[in-house]
Amino acid sequence: MKKIYISLAIMAMAITSCKKEVKVEEATVEVEKDTVVQQEPAPEQPMDSVAMQKAWEAYATPGDVHKMLAEETGKWDVTMTFWMEPGAEPQVDKATADVKMIMGGRYQEMTFTGKMMGMDWIGKSTVAYNNKSKEITSTFIDNSGTGMMVVKGPYDAEKKSFSLKGETVDPMTGQTVQFREVYTFVDDNTRRMEMFDTKNGKPEYKSLEIVMTRK
């Protein structure tokens, strides 16, 4: 009788062992099925030297927008009107602007001199039009702060204006302020720049208008 029990026990152990082996094999197969073979992307075909040269020349050669900027070369009278908050009384200051093209007509540099809040004021802007991205980038610095304002956006040929967006830091609160600018070519001798601020989650309002008249 003991021999029968021993035989049955050995058979049970053998069957259990076989089941475990089958499970291991099945698990191994599943792992192999889940394995994804990563394929290396095909390398990009390099441009030939002639195409590269043409692309670079198109990128580097001043175009129609650069010619528009060059037409502003010279001296301008500037009237600046500020609104510190919606509904506030406007503050008006006067300045002059000296405009010139730099780096072979590829960029415009504008230097402002005048008074702001009774103090001597100097400001400088640089305007670039990227032939490839079809986008304007404008920077501005002045002696009334230590930051740089940077705005970007497209040129609207139908409206003859730049629609630019950027952000700056409010020196009073330290908070980031979203703003936009619209620079309009009014006529041959007049330019208008309008700035619209969004502060403290309040609706956008017009905070600055600059009107330039050719001397």
N, C-alpha and C. Protein backbone atom coordinates (compact mmCIF):
# COMPACT_ATOMS: atom_id res chain seq x y z
N MET A 1 0.83 -1.20 0.00
CA MET A 1 0.00 0.00 0.00
C MET A 1 0.86 1.25 0.00
N LYS A 2 1.91 1.21 0.78
CA LYS A 2 2.82 2.37 0.85
C LYS A 2 3.42 2.64 -0.51
N LYS A 3 3.72 1.51 -1.23
CA LYS A 3 4.32 1.69 -2.56
C LYS A 3 3.36 2.42 -3.49
N ILE A 4 2.07 2.09 -3.36
CA ILE A 4 1.08 2.77 -4.22
C ILE A 4 1.05 4.26 -3.92
N TYR A 5 1.03 4.64 -2.60
CA TYR A 5 1.03 6.06 -2.22
C TYR A 5 2.27 6.77 -2.74
N ILE A 6 3.41 6.08 -2.59
CA ILE A 6 4.67 6.70 -3.05
C ILE A 6 4.63 6.91 -4.55
N SER A 7 4.09 5.93 -5.29
CA SER A 7 4.01 6.04 -6.75
C SER A 7 3.10 7.19 -7.16
N LEU A 8 1.94 7.28 -6.44
CA LEU A 8 1.00 8.37 -6.75
C LEU A 8 1.64 9.74 -6.47
N ALA A 9 2.37 9.85 -5.38
CA ALA A 9 3.03 11.11 -5.04
C ALA A 9 4.04 11.51 -6.09
N ILE A 10 4.81 10.52 -6.55
CA ILE A 10 5.83 10.81 -7.59
C ILE A 10 5.15 11.28 -8.87
N MET A 11 4.04 10.62 -9.24
CA MET A 11 3.32 11.02 -10.45
C MET A 11 2.76 12.43 -10.32
N ALA A 12 2.21 12.74 -9.15
CA ALA A 12 1.67 14.09 -8.93
C ALA A 12 2.75 15.15 -9.06
N MET A 13 3.92 14.87 -8.47
CA MET A 13 5.03 15.81 -8.56
C MET A 13 5.47 16.01 -10.02
N ALA A 14 5.48 14.90 -10.77
CA ALA A 14 5.90 14.97 -12.17
C ALA A 14 4.93 15.82 -12.97
N ILE A 15 3.60 15.60 -12.73
CA ILE A 15 2.58 16.38 -13.46
C ILE A 15 2.70 17.86 -13.14
N THR A 16 2.87 18.18 -11.84
CA THR A 16 3.02 19.59 -11.42
C THR A 16 4.22 20.23 -12.07
N SER A 17 5.32 19.46 -12.12
CA SER A 17 6.54 19.99 -12.74
C SER A 17 6.32 20.28 -14.21
N CYS A 18 5.62 19.37 -14.88
CA CYS A 18 5.34 19.59 -16.31
C CYS A 18 4.50 20.83 -16.53
N LYS A 19 3.46 21.04 -15.66
CA LYS A 19 2.63 22.23 -15.79
C LYS A 19 3.44 23.51 -15.62
N LYS A 20 4.36 23.50 -14.65
CA LYS A 20 5.20 24.67 -14.43
C LYS A 20 6.06 24.96 -15.66
N GLU A 21 6.61 23.86 -16.24
CA GLU A 21 7.45 24.05 -17.42
C GLU A 21 6.64 24.63 -18.57
N VAL A 22 5.38 24.13 -18.74
CA VAL A 22 4.54 24.64 -19.79
C VAL A 22 4.25 26.11 -19.58
N LYS A 23 3.95 26.52 -18.31
CA LYS A 23 3.67 27.93 -18.01
C LYS A 23 4.86 28.80 -18.31
N VAL A 24 6.05 28.30 -17.94
CA VAL A 24 7.27 29.07 -18.21
C VAL A 24 7.47 29.27 -19.69
N GLU A 25 7.22 28.14 -20.46
CA GLU A 25 7.38 28.24 -21.91
C GLU A 25 6.38 29.22 -22.49
N GLU A 26 5.09 29.15 -22.01
CA GLU A 26 4.07 30.06 -22.50
C GLU A 26 4.43 31.50 -22.19
N ALA A 27 4.91 31.76 -20.97
CA ALA A 27 5.30 33.12 -20.59
C ALA A 27 6.42 33.62 -21.47
N THR A 28 7.36 32.69 -21.77
CA THR A 28 8.48 33.07 -22.62
C THR A 28 8.00 33.46 -24.00
N VAL A 29 7.03 32.69 -24.52
CA VAL A 29 6.48 32.99 -25.84
C VAL A 29 5.78 34.34 -25.85
N GLU A 30 5.01 34.65 -24.76
CA GLU A 30 4.31 35.91 -24.68
C GLU A 30 5.26 37.08 -24.66
N VAL A 31 6.35 36.94 -23.92
CA VAL A 31 7.36 38.00 -23.87
C VAL A 31 7.93 38.25 -25.24
N GLU A 32 8.19 37.13 -25.95
CA GLU A 32 8.75 37.27 -27.29
C GLU A 32 7.76 37.97 -28.22
N LYS A 33 6.43 37.67 -28.05
CA LYS A 33 5.42 38.31 -28.88
C LYS A 33 5.33 39.80 -28.60
N ASP A 34 5.51 40.19 -27.32
CA ASP A 34 5.39 41.59 -26.95
C ASP A 34 6.60 42.42 -27.34
N THR A 35 7.69 41.75 -27.67
CA THR A 35 8.91 42.48 -28.01
C THR A 35 8.74 43.21 -29.34
N VAL A 36 9.03 44.53 -29.36
CA VAL A 36 8.91 45.34 -30.57
C VAL A 36 10.30 45.66 -31.09
N VAL A 37 10.51 45.37 -32.31
CA VAL A 37 11.81 45.64 -32.92
C VAL A 37 11.85 47.10 -33.36
N GLN A 38 12.78 47.87 -32.80
CA GLN A 38 12.93 49.28 -33.15
C GLN A 38 13.74 49.42 -34.43
N GLN A 39 13.17 50.15 -35.38
CA GLN A 39 13.86 50.37 -36.63
C GLN A 39 14.45 51.77 -36.66
N GLU A 40 15.66 51.87 -37.06
CA GLU A 40 16.33 53.16 -37.16
C GLU A 40 15.71 53.96 -38.31
N PRO A 41 15.38 55.27 -38.08
CA PRO A 41 14.83 56.08 -39.17
C PRO A 41 15.84 56.27 -40.28
N ALA A 42 15.33 56.32 -41.47
CA ALA A 42 16.22 56.52 -42.62
C ALA A 42 16.84 57.90 -42.56
N PRO A 43 18.12 58.01 -42.78
CA PRO A 43 18.79 59.32 -42.72
C PRO A 43 18.27 60.25 -43.81
N GLU A 44 18.15 61.57 -43.46
CA GLU A 44 17.70 62.54 -44.44
C GLU A 44 18.74 62.71 -45.54
N GLN A 45 18.23 62.88 -46.73
CA GLN A 45 19.14 63.07 -47.85
C GLN A 45 19.70 64.49 -47.81
N PRO A 46 21.00 64.64 -47.84
CA PRO A 46 21.58 65.99 -47.80
C PRO A 46 21.27 66.78 -49.06
N MET A 47 21.12 68.13 -48.89
CA MET A 47 20.89 68.98 -50.05
C MET A 47 22.18 69.10 -50.84
N ASP A 48 22.05 69.24 -52.15
CA ASP A 48 23.25 69.46 -52.94
C ASP A 48 23.73 70.89 -52.75
N SER A 49 24.95 71.16 -53.10
CA SER A 49 25.58 72.45 -52.82
C SER A 49 24.88 73.60 -53.53
N VAL A 50 24.35 73.37 -54.74
CA VAL A 50 23.66 74.44 -55.47
C VAL A 50 22.36 74.82 -54.77
N ALA A 51 21.58 73.82 -54.32
CA ALA A 51 20.33 74.08 -53.62
C ALA A 51 20.59 74.80 -52.30
N MET A 52 21.64 74.38 -51.60
CA MET A 52 22.00 75.03 -50.34
C MET A 52 22.34 76.49 -50.56
N GLN A 53 23.09 76.78 -51.59
CA GLN A 53 23.48 78.15 -51.88
C GLN A 53 22.27 79.01 -52.20
N LYS A 54 21.33 78.48 -53.01
CA LYS A 54 20.13 79.24 -53.37
C LYS A 54 19.25 79.50 -52.15
N ALA A 55 19.11 78.49 -51.28
CA ALA A 55 18.30 78.65 -50.07
C ALA A 55 18.90 79.71 -49.16
N TRP A 56 20.22 79.70 -49.03
CA TRP A 56 20.87 80.67 -48.16
C TRP A 56 20.78 82.08 -48.74
N GLU A 57 20.92 82.20 -50.05
CA GLU A 57 20.81 83.52 -50.69
C GLU A 57 19.40 84.09 -50.51
N ALA A 58 18.38 83.24 -50.63
CA ALA A 58 17.00 83.71 -50.44
C ALA A 58 16.78 84.15 -49.00
N TYR A 59 17.40 83.46 -48.06
CA TYR A 59 17.26 83.80 -46.65
C TYR A 59 17.97 85.11 -46.32
N ALA A 60 19.11 85.37 -46.96
CA ALA A 60 19.96 86.50 -46.60
C ALA A 60 19.69 87.78 -47.40
N THR A 61 18.94 87.69 -48.49
CA THR A 61 18.74 88.85 -49.35
C THR A 61 17.53 89.67 -48.88
N PRO A 62 17.72 90.98 -48.60
CA PRO A 62 16.59 91.84 -48.20
C PRO A 62 15.50 91.84 -49.25
N GLY A 63 14.22 91.79 -48.78
CA GLY A 63 13.10 91.74 -49.70
C GLY A 63 12.19 92.94 -49.57
N ASP A 64 10.93 92.77 -49.94
CA ASP A 64 9.98 93.89 -49.97
C ASP A 64 9.74 94.50 -48.59
N VAL A 65 9.63 93.66 -47.55
CA VAL A 65 9.39 94.19 -46.20
C VAL A 65 10.60 95.00 -45.74
N HIS A 66 11.80 94.53 -46.08
CA HIS A 66 13.00 95.29 -45.72
C HIS A 66 13.03 96.65 -46.42
N LYS A 67 12.53 96.68 -47.65
CA LYS A 67 12.46 97.95 -48.38
C LYS A 67 11.48 98.91 -47.70
N MET A 68 10.38 98.38 -47.18
CA MET A 68 9.43 99.22 -46.44
C MET A 68 10.09 99.81 -45.20
N LEU A 69 10.85 98.98 -44.51
CA LEU A 69 11.55 99.47 -43.32
C LEU A 69 12.59 100.52 -43.71
N ALA A 70 13.26 100.32 -44.83
CA ALA A 70 14.28 101.27 -45.29
C ALA A 70 13.68 102.62 -45.65
N GLU A 71 12.42 102.63 -46.09
CA GLU A 71 11.76 103.89 -46.43
C GLU A 71 11.55 104.79 -45.22
N GLU A 72 11.68 104.24 -44.02
CA GLU A 72 11.54 105.05 -42.81
C GLU A 72 12.84 105.74 -42.40
N THR A 73 13.90 105.49 -43.15
CA THR A 73 15.19 106.11 -42.82
C THR A 73 15.06 107.63 -42.76
N GLY A 74 15.60 108.22 -41.68
CA GLY A 74 15.53 109.67 -41.50
C GLY A 74 15.08 110.02 -40.09
N LYS A 75 14.67 111.26 -39.91
CA LYS A 75 14.30 111.76 -38.59
C LYS A 75 12.78 111.98 -38.51
N TRP A 76 12.24 111.69 -37.32
CA TRP A 76 10.79 111.76 -37.11
C TRP A 76 10.48 112.48 -35.80
N ASP A 77 9.37 113.22 -35.80
CA ASP A 77 8.82 113.75 -34.54
C ASP A 77 7.92 112.67 -33.93
N VAL A 78 8.01 112.53 -32.61
CA VAL A 78 7.31 111.44 -31.93
C VAL A 78 6.43 111.99 -30.80
N THR A 79 5.17 111.61 -30.80
CA THR A 79 4.26 111.93 -29.70
C THR A 79 3.85 110.63 -29.02
N MET A 80 4.11 110.52 -27.73
CA MET A 80 3.81 109.30 -26.97
C MET A 80 2.71 109.59 -25.96
N THR A 81 1.65 108.80 -26.00
CA THR A 81 0.52 108.96 -25.07
C THR A 81 0.38 107.68 -24.26
N PHE A 82 0.40 107.84 -22.91
CA PHE A 82 0.35 106.69 -22.00
C PHE A 82 -0.96 106.69 -21.21
N TRP A 83 -1.45 105.49 -20.90
CA TRP A 83 -2.56 105.30 -19.96
C TRP A 83 -2.10 104.27 -18.94
N MET A 84 -1.94 104.67 -17.69
CA MET A 84 -1.42 103.78 -16.66
C MET A 84 -2.39 102.66 -16.32
N GLU A 85 -3.68 102.90 -16.50
CA GLU A 85 -4.71 101.88 -16.25
C GLU A 85 -5.95 102.27 -17.04
N PRO A 86 -6.90 101.35 -17.21
CA PRO A 86 -8.10 101.68 -17.98
C PRO A 86 -8.84 102.88 -17.39
N GLY A 87 -9.19 103.82 -18.25
CA GLY A 87 -9.93 105.00 -17.82
C GLY A 87 -9.09 106.09 -17.20
N ALA A 88 -7.77 105.88 -17.08
CA ALA A 88 -6.90 106.89 -16.46
C ALA A 88 -6.69 108.07 -17.41
N GLU A 89 -6.33 109.21 -16.83
CA GLU A 89 -6.01 110.38 -17.63
C GLU A 89 -4.74 110.11 -18.45
N PRO A 90 -4.72 110.44 -19.73
CA PRO A 90 -3.53 110.19 -20.54
C PRO A 90 -2.39 111.11 -20.18
N GLN A 91 -1.17 110.58 -20.32
CA GLN A 91 0.03 111.38 -20.13
C GLN A 91 0.74 111.46 -21.48
N VAL A 92 1.12 112.67 -21.90
CA VAL A 92 1.71 112.88 -23.22
C VAL A 92 3.15 113.36 -23.08
N ASP A 93 4.07 112.70 -23.81
CA ASP A 93 5.46 113.13 -23.86
C ASP A 93 5.91 113.23 -25.31
N LYS A 94 6.98 114.02 -25.51
CA LYS A 94 7.49 114.25 -26.86
C LYS A 94 8.90 113.69 -26.99
N ALA A 95 9.25 113.29 -28.22
CA ALA A 95 10.60 112.79 -28.49
C ALA A 95 10.87 112.91 -29.98
N THR A 96 12.08 112.57 -30.37
CA THR A 96 12.42 112.46 -31.78
C THR A 96 12.99 111.07 -32.03
N ALA A 97 12.92 110.62 -33.27
CA ALA A 97 13.45 109.31 -33.62
C ALA A 97 14.36 109.43 -34.83
N ASP A 98 15.49 108.75 -34.75
CA ASP A 98 16.45 108.70 -35.85
C ASP A 98 16.48 107.26 -36.34
N VAL A 99 16.08 107.04 -37.60
CA VAL A 99 15.92 105.69 -38.14
C VAL A 99 16.97 105.43 -39.21
N LYS A 100 17.57 104.24 -39.15
CA LYS A 100 18.53 103.85 -40.18
C LYS A 100 18.52 102.33 -40.33
N MET A 101 18.99 101.87 -41.49
CA MET A 101 19.14 100.45 -41.75
C MET A 101 20.59 100.06 -41.46
N ILE A 102 20.78 98.86 -40.94
CA ILE A 102 22.12 98.39 -40.60
C ILE A 102 22.35 97.01 -41.22
N MET A 103 23.61 96.61 -41.26
CA MET A 103 24.02 95.30 -41.76
C MET A 103 23.50 95.04 -43.18
N GLY A 104 23.79 96.01 -44.04
CA GLY A 104 23.44 95.84 -45.45
C GLY A 104 21.96 95.87 -45.73
N GLY A 105 21.20 96.63 -44.94
CA GLY A 105 19.77 96.76 -45.17
C GLY A 105 18.95 95.59 -44.65
N ARG A 106 19.53 94.78 -43.79
CA ARG A 106 18.83 93.60 -43.27
C ARG A 106 18.05 93.87 -41.99
N TYR A 107 18.41 94.91 -41.26
CA TYR A 107 17.76 95.23 -39.99
C TYR A 107 17.55 96.73 -39.89
N GLN A 108 16.51 97.11 -39.17
CA GLN A 108 16.25 98.51 -38.92
C GLN A 108 16.59 98.85 -37.46
N GLU A 109 17.27 99.97 -37.29
CA GLU A 109 17.60 100.46 -35.94
C GLU A 109 16.98 101.85 -35.76
N MET A 110 16.23 102.02 -34.67
CA MET A 110 15.55 103.29 -34.40
C MET A 110 15.97 103.78 -33.02
N THR A 111 16.49 105.00 -32.95
CA THR A 111 16.95 105.58 -31.68
C THR A 111 16.06 106.75 -31.30
N PHE A 112 15.49 106.69 -30.09
CA PHE A 112 14.60 107.74 -29.58
C PHE A 112 15.33 108.58 -28.54
N THR A 113 15.09 109.89 -28.57
CA THR A 113 15.57 110.79 -27.53
C THR A 113 14.46 111.79 -27.21
N GLY A 114 14.30 112.09 -25.92
CA GLY A 114 13.26 113.04 -25.53
C GLY A 114 13.08 113.09 -24.04
N LYS A 115 11.87 113.37 -23.60
CA LYS A 115 11.53 113.46 -22.19
C LYS A 115 10.44 112.43 -21.85
N MET A 116 10.56 111.84 -20.67
CA MET A 116 9.52 110.96 -20.19
C MET A 116 9.35 111.20 -18.70
N MET A 117 8.15 111.63 -18.32
CA MET A 117 7.86 111.98 -16.92
C MET A 117 8.85 113.00 -16.39
N GLY A 118 9.22 113.96 -17.26
CA GLY A 118 10.10 115.05 -16.87
C GLY A 118 11.57 114.71 -16.86
N MET A 119 11.94 113.49 -17.22
CA MET A 119 13.35 113.08 -17.20
C MET A 119 13.84 112.82 -18.62
N ASP A 120 15.17 112.98 -18.81
CA ASP A 120 15.76 112.68 -20.11
C ASP A 120 15.57 111.20 -20.43
N TRP A 121 15.18 110.93 -21.65
CA TRP A 121 14.84 109.56 -22.02
C TRP A 121 15.52 109.18 -23.32
N ILE A 122 16.07 107.96 -23.35
CA ILE A 122 16.70 107.39 -24.55
C ILE A 122 16.18 105.97 -24.72
N GLY A 123 15.79 105.64 -25.93
CA GLY A 123 15.33 104.28 -26.23
C GLY A 123 15.87 103.83 -27.57
N LYS A 124 15.94 102.51 -27.74
CA LYS A 124 16.46 101.98 -29.01
C LYS A 124 15.70 100.70 -29.36
N SER A 125 15.24 100.65 -30.61
CA SER A 125 14.57 99.44 -31.09
C SER A 125 15.34 98.87 -32.28
N THR A 126 15.25 97.55 -32.43
CA THR A 126 15.81 96.86 -33.58
C THR A 126 14.71 95.99 -34.17
N VAL A 127 14.51 96.10 -35.48
CA VAL A 127 13.45 95.35 -36.14
C VAL A 127 14.07 94.43 -37.19
N ALA A 128 13.65 93.17 -37.17
CA ALA A 128 14.13 92.19 -38.14
C ALA A 128 12.93 91.53 -38.81
N TYR A 129 13.06 91.28 -40.12
CA TYR A 129 12.06 90.47 -40.83
C TYR A 129 12.76 89.24 -41.34
N ASN A 130 12.31 88.07 -40.88
CA ASN A 130 12.92 86.80 -41.24
C ASN A 130 12.29 86.29 -42.54
N ASN A 131 13.09 86.23 -43.60
CA ASN A 131 12.58 85.79 -44.90
C ASN A 131 12.05 84.36 -44.86
N LYS A 132 12.62 83.53 -44.00
CA LYS A 132 12.23 82.12 -43.96
C LYS A 132 10.94 81.90 -43.18
N SER A 133 10.85 82.48 -41.98
CA SER A 133 9.66 82.28 -41.14
C SER A 133 8.54 83.27 -41.46
N LYS A 134 8.85 84.29 -42.29
CA LYS A 134 7.88 85.33 -42.64
C LYS A 134 7.37 86.04 -41.38
N GLU A 135 8.27 86.31 -40.44
CA GLU A 135 7.88 86.86 -39.16
C GLU A 135 8.76 88.04 -38.78
N ILE A 136 8.12 89.03 -38.16
CA ILE A 136 8.83 90.20 -37.63
C ILE A 136 9.25 89.91 -36.18
N THR A 137 10.47 90.30 -35.83
CA THR A 137 10.91 90.31 -34.43
C THR A 137 11.41 91.71 -34.11
N SER A 138 10.87 92.28 -33.03
CA SER A 138 11.26 93.64 -32.63
C SER A 138 11.73 93.62 -31.18
N THR A 139 12.86 94.26 -30.91
CA THR A 139 13.36 94.38 -29.54
C THR A 139 13.40 95.86 -29.16
N PHE A 140 13.28 96.13 -27.86
CA PHE A 140 13.32 97.52 -27.40
C PHE A 140 13.98 97.59 -26.03
N ILE A 141 14.90 98.54 -25.89
CA ILE A 141 15.54 98.83 -24.61
C ILE A 141 15.52 100.34 -24.40
N ASP A 142 15.53 100.77 -23.14
CA ASP A 142 15.63 102.21 -22.84
C ASP A 142 16.25 102.41 -21.47
N ASN A 143 16.47 103.69 -21.14
CA ASN A 143 17.15 103.99 -19.88
C ASN A 143 16.18 104.15 -18.70
N SER A 144 14.91 103.75 -18.90
CA SER A 144 13.95 103.82 -17.79
C SER A 144 13.78 102.46 -17.10
N GLY A 145 14.58 101.48 -17.51
CA GLY A 145 14.50 100.16 -16.89
C GLY A 145 15.74 99.35 -17.22
N THR A 146 15.71 98.05 -16.88
CA THR A 146 16.85 97.18 -17.14
C THR A 146 16.44 95.94 -17.94
N GLY A 147 15.23 95.93 -18.44
CA GLY A 147 14.76 94.77 -19.21
C GLY A 147 14.74 95.05 -20.69
N MET A 148 14.47 93.99 -21.44
CA MET A 148 14.33 94.10 -22.89
C MET A 148 12.96 93.58 -23.29
N MET A 149 12.26 94.36 -24.09
CA MET A 149 10.96 93.93 -24.59
C MET A 149 11.16 93.28 -25.96
N VAL A 150 10.60 92.10 -26.13
CA VAL A 150 10.72 91.36 -27.40
C VAL A 150 9.32 90.99 -27.86
N VAL A 151 8.99 91.34 -29.10
CA VAL A 151 7.69 91.00 -29.67
C VAL A 151 7.90 90.35 -31.03
N LYS A 152 6.98 89.44 -31.38
CA LYS A 152 7.06 88.74 -32.66
C LYS A 152 5.68 88.66 -33.29
N GLY A 153 5.66 88.57 -34.61
CA GLY A 153 4.39 88.40 -35.29
C GLY A 153 4.51 88.63 -36.78
N PRO A 154 3.42 88.44 -37.50
CA PRO A 154 3.44 88.55 -38.96
C PRO A 154 3.20 89.97 -39.46
N TYR A 155 3.46 90.15 -40.74
CA TYR A 155 3.12 91.40 -41.42
C TYR A 155 1.84 91.17 -42.22
N ASP A 156 0.87 92.07 -42.04
CA ASP A 156 -0.40 91.99 -42.75
C ASP A 156 -0.35 93.00 -43.90
N ALA A 157 -0.15 92.49 -45.12
CA ALA A 157 0.00 93.37 -46.28
C ALA A 157 -1.28 94.14 -46.56
N GLU A 158 -2.44 93.52 -46.31
CA GLU A 158 -3.71 94.19 -46.60
C GLU A 158 -3.93 95.38 -45.68
N LYS A 159 -3.59 95.22 -44.39
CA LYS A 159 -3.76 96.30 -43.43
C LYS A 159 -2.53 97.20 -43.32
N LYS A 160 -1.44 96.80 -43.98
CA LYS A 160 -0.17 97.51 -43.91
C LYS A 160 0.25 97.69 -42.44
N SER A 161 0.29 96.59 -41.72
CA SER A 161 0.63 96.67 -40.30
C SER A 161 1.31 95.40 -39.82
N PHE A 162 2.09 95.55 -38.74
CA PHE A 162 2.67 94.42 -38.03
C PHE A 162 1.77 94.13 -36.82
N SER A 163 1.42 92.87 -36.61
CA SER A 163 0.67 92.47 -35.41
C SER A 163 1.60 91.62 -34.56
N LEU A 164 2.07 92.19 -33.45
CA LEU A 164 3.14 91.59 -32.66
C LEU A 164 2.68 91.27 -31.24
N LYS A 165 3.20 90.18 -30.68
CA LYS A 165 2.85 89.79 -29.31
C LYS A 165 4.12 89.51 -28.50
N GLY A 166 4.01 89.77 -27.18
CA GLY A 166 5.14 89.50 -26.31
C GLY A 166 4.72 89.52 -24.86
N GLU A 167 5.70 89.49 -23.97
CA GLU A 167 5.43 89.58 -22.55
C GLU A 167 6.55 90.34 -21.86
N THR A 168 6.22 90.95 -20.73
CA THR A 168 7.21 91.70 -19.97
C THR A 168 6.89 91.53 -18.49
N VAL A 169 7.73 92.09 -17.64
CA VAL A 169 7.52 92.00 -16.20
C VAL A 169 7.08 93.36 -15.67
N ASP A 170 5.98 93.38 -14.92
CA ASP A 170 5.50 94.61 -14.30
C ASP A 170 6.45 94.97 -13.16
N PRO A 171 7.17 96.12 -13.25
CA PRO A 171 8.14 96.46 -12.20
C PRO A 171 7.51 96.71 -10.84
N MET A 172 6.21 96.99 -10.79
CA MET A 172 5.53 97.25 -9.52
C MET A 172 5.17 95.96 -8.79
N THR A 173 4.72 94.94 -9.56
CA THR A 173 4.24 93.69 -8.94
C THR A 173 5.16 92.51 -9.17
N GLY A 174 6.04 92.60 -10.19
CA GLY A 174 6.90 91.48 -10.52
C GLY A 174 6.19 90.41 -11.34
N GLN A 175 4.94 90.65 -11.68
CA GLN A 175 4.17 89.68 -12.44
C GLN A 175 4.43 89.82 -13.94
N THR A 176 4.32 88.68 -14.64
CA THR A 176 4.47 88.69 -16.09
C THR A 176 3.21 89.25 -16.73
N VAL A 177 3.39 90.19 -17.66
CA VAL A 177 2.26 90.84 -18.32
C VAL A 177 2.29 90.50 -19.81
N GLN A 178 1.19 89.98 -20.31
CA GLN A 178 1.06 89.72 -21.75
C GLN A 178 0.62 91.02 -22.44
N PHE A 179 1.21 91.30 -23.58
CA PHE A 179 0.82 92.49 -24.31
C PHE A 179 0.97 92.25 -25.81
N ARG A 180 0.38 93.14 -26.58
CA ARG A 180 0.53 93.07 -28.03
C ARG A 180 0.70 94.47 -28.59
N GLU A 181 1.29 94.53 -29.76
CA GLU A 181 1.51 95.80 -30.45
C GLU A 181 0.96 95.72 -31.87
N VAL A 182 0.45 96.84 -32.33
CA VAL A 182 0.04 96.97 -33.73
C VAL A 182 0.77 98.19 -34.29
N TYR A 183 1.65 97.95 -35.27
CA TYR A 183 2.43 99.02 -35.89
C TYR A 183 1.88 99.21 -37.31
N THR A 184 1.34 100.40 -37.57
CA THR A 184 0.64 100.65 -38.83
C THR A 184 1.37 101.68 -39.68
N PHE A 185 1.54 101.37 -40.96
CA PHE A 185 2.08 102.32 -41.94
C PHE A 185 0.90 103.16 -42.43
N VAL A 186 0.63 104.27 -41.75
CA VAL A 186 -0.56 105.07 -42.04
C VAL A 186 -0.48 105.69 -43.42
N ASP A 187 0.62 106.40 -43.70
CA ASP A 187 0.89 106.94 -45.03
C ASP A 187 2.40 107.14 -45.13
N ASP A 188 2.85 107.79 -46.21
CA ASP A 188 4.30 107.92 -46.43
C ASP A 188 5.00 108.65 -45.30
N ASN A 189 4.29 109.52 -44.59
CA ASN A 189 4.94 110.36 -43.58
C ASN A 189 4.39 110.15 -42.16
N THR A 190 3.60 109.11 -41.96
CA THR A 190 2.99 108.89 -40.65
C THR A 190 3.04 107.41 -40.28
N ARG A 191 3.43 107.14 -39.02
CA ARG A 191 3.42 105.79 -38.48
C ARG A 191 2.72 105.83 -37.12
N ARG A 192 2.02 104.74 -36.80
CA ARG A 192 1.33 104.67 -35.51
C ARG A 192 1.58 103.30 -34.87
N MET A 193 2.02 103.34 -33.61
CA MET A 193 2.19 102.11 -32.84
C MET A 193 1.25 102.13 -31.65
N GLU A 194 0.44 101.08 -31.49
CA GLU A 194 -0.49 100.97 -30.37
C GLU A 194 -0.13 99.74 -29.54
N MET A 195 -0.10 99.91 -28.23
CA MET A 195 0.20 98.80 -27.32
C MET A 195 -1.03 98.52 -26.46
N PHE A 196 -1.32 97.22 -26.31
CA PHE A 196 -2.47 96.79 -25.52
C PHE A 196 -1.99 95.83 -24.44
N ASP A 197 -2.30 96.16 -23.18
CA ASP A 197 -1.85 95.37 -22.02
C ASP A 197 -2.97 94.50 -21.46
N THR A 198 -2.58 93.41 -20.82
CA THR A 198 -3.51 92.57 -20.05
C THR A 198 -2.90 92.40 -18.67
N LYS A 199 -3.50 93.02 -17.65
CA LYS A 199 -2.95 92.99 -16.30
C LYS A 199 -3.94 92.40 -15.30
N ASN A 200 -3.40 91.56 -14.40
CA ASN A 200 -4.18 91.02 -13.28
C ASN A 200 -5.48 90.35 -13.71
N GLY A 201 -5.43 89.71 -14.87
CA GLY A 201 -6.61 89.00 -15.33
C GLY A 201 -7.74 89.89 -15.82
N LYS A 202 -7.48 91.18 -15.92
CA LYS A 202 -8.53 92.12 -16.36
C LYS A 202 -8.55 92.18 -17.89
N PRO A 203 -9.64 92.70 -18.45
CA PRO A 203 -9.72 92.81 -19.91
C PRO A 203 -8.59 93.66 -20.48
N GLU A 204 -8.21 93.37 -21.70
CA GLU A 204 -7.17 94.12 -22.39
C GLU A 204 -7.56 95.59 -22.52
N TYR A 205 -6.55 96.45 -22.39
CA TYR A 205 -6.80 97.88 -22.60
C TYR A 205 -5.61 98.51 -23.31
N LYS A 206 -5.87 99.64 -23.95
CA LYS A 206 -4.82 100.36 -24.68
C LYS A 206 -3.99 101.16 -23.68
N SER A 207 -2.69 100.84 -23.60
CA SER A 207 -1.83 101.49 -22.62
C SER A 207 -0.86 102.50 -23.23
N LEU A 208 -0.66 102.44 -24.54
CA LEU A 208 0.31 103.33 -25.16
C LEU A 208 -0.04 103.53 -26.64
N GLU A 209 0.15 104.77 -27.09
CA GLU A 209 0.06 105.06 -28.52
C GLU A 209 1.21 105.98 -28.88
N ILE A 210 1.93 105.61 -29.91
CA ILE A 210 3.04 106.43 -30.42
C ILE A 210 2.72 106.82 -31.85
N VAL A 211 2.72 108.09 -32.12
CA VAL A 211 2.52 108.61 -33.48
C VAL A 211 3.80 109.27 -33.94
N MET A 212 4.31 108.82 -35.07
CA MET A 212 5.55 109.36 -35.64
C MET A 212 5.23 110.11 -36.93
N THR A 213 5.75 111.33 -37.02
CA THR A 213 5.56 112.16 -38.21
C THR A 213 6.93 112.55 -38.77
N ARG A 214 7.10 112.30 -40.05
CA ARG A 214 8.39 112.55 -40.66
C ARG A 214 8.74 114.04 -40.64
N LYS A 215 10.00 114.35 -40.26
CA LYS A 215 10.46 115.75 -40.23
C LYS A 215 10.65 116.28 -41.64
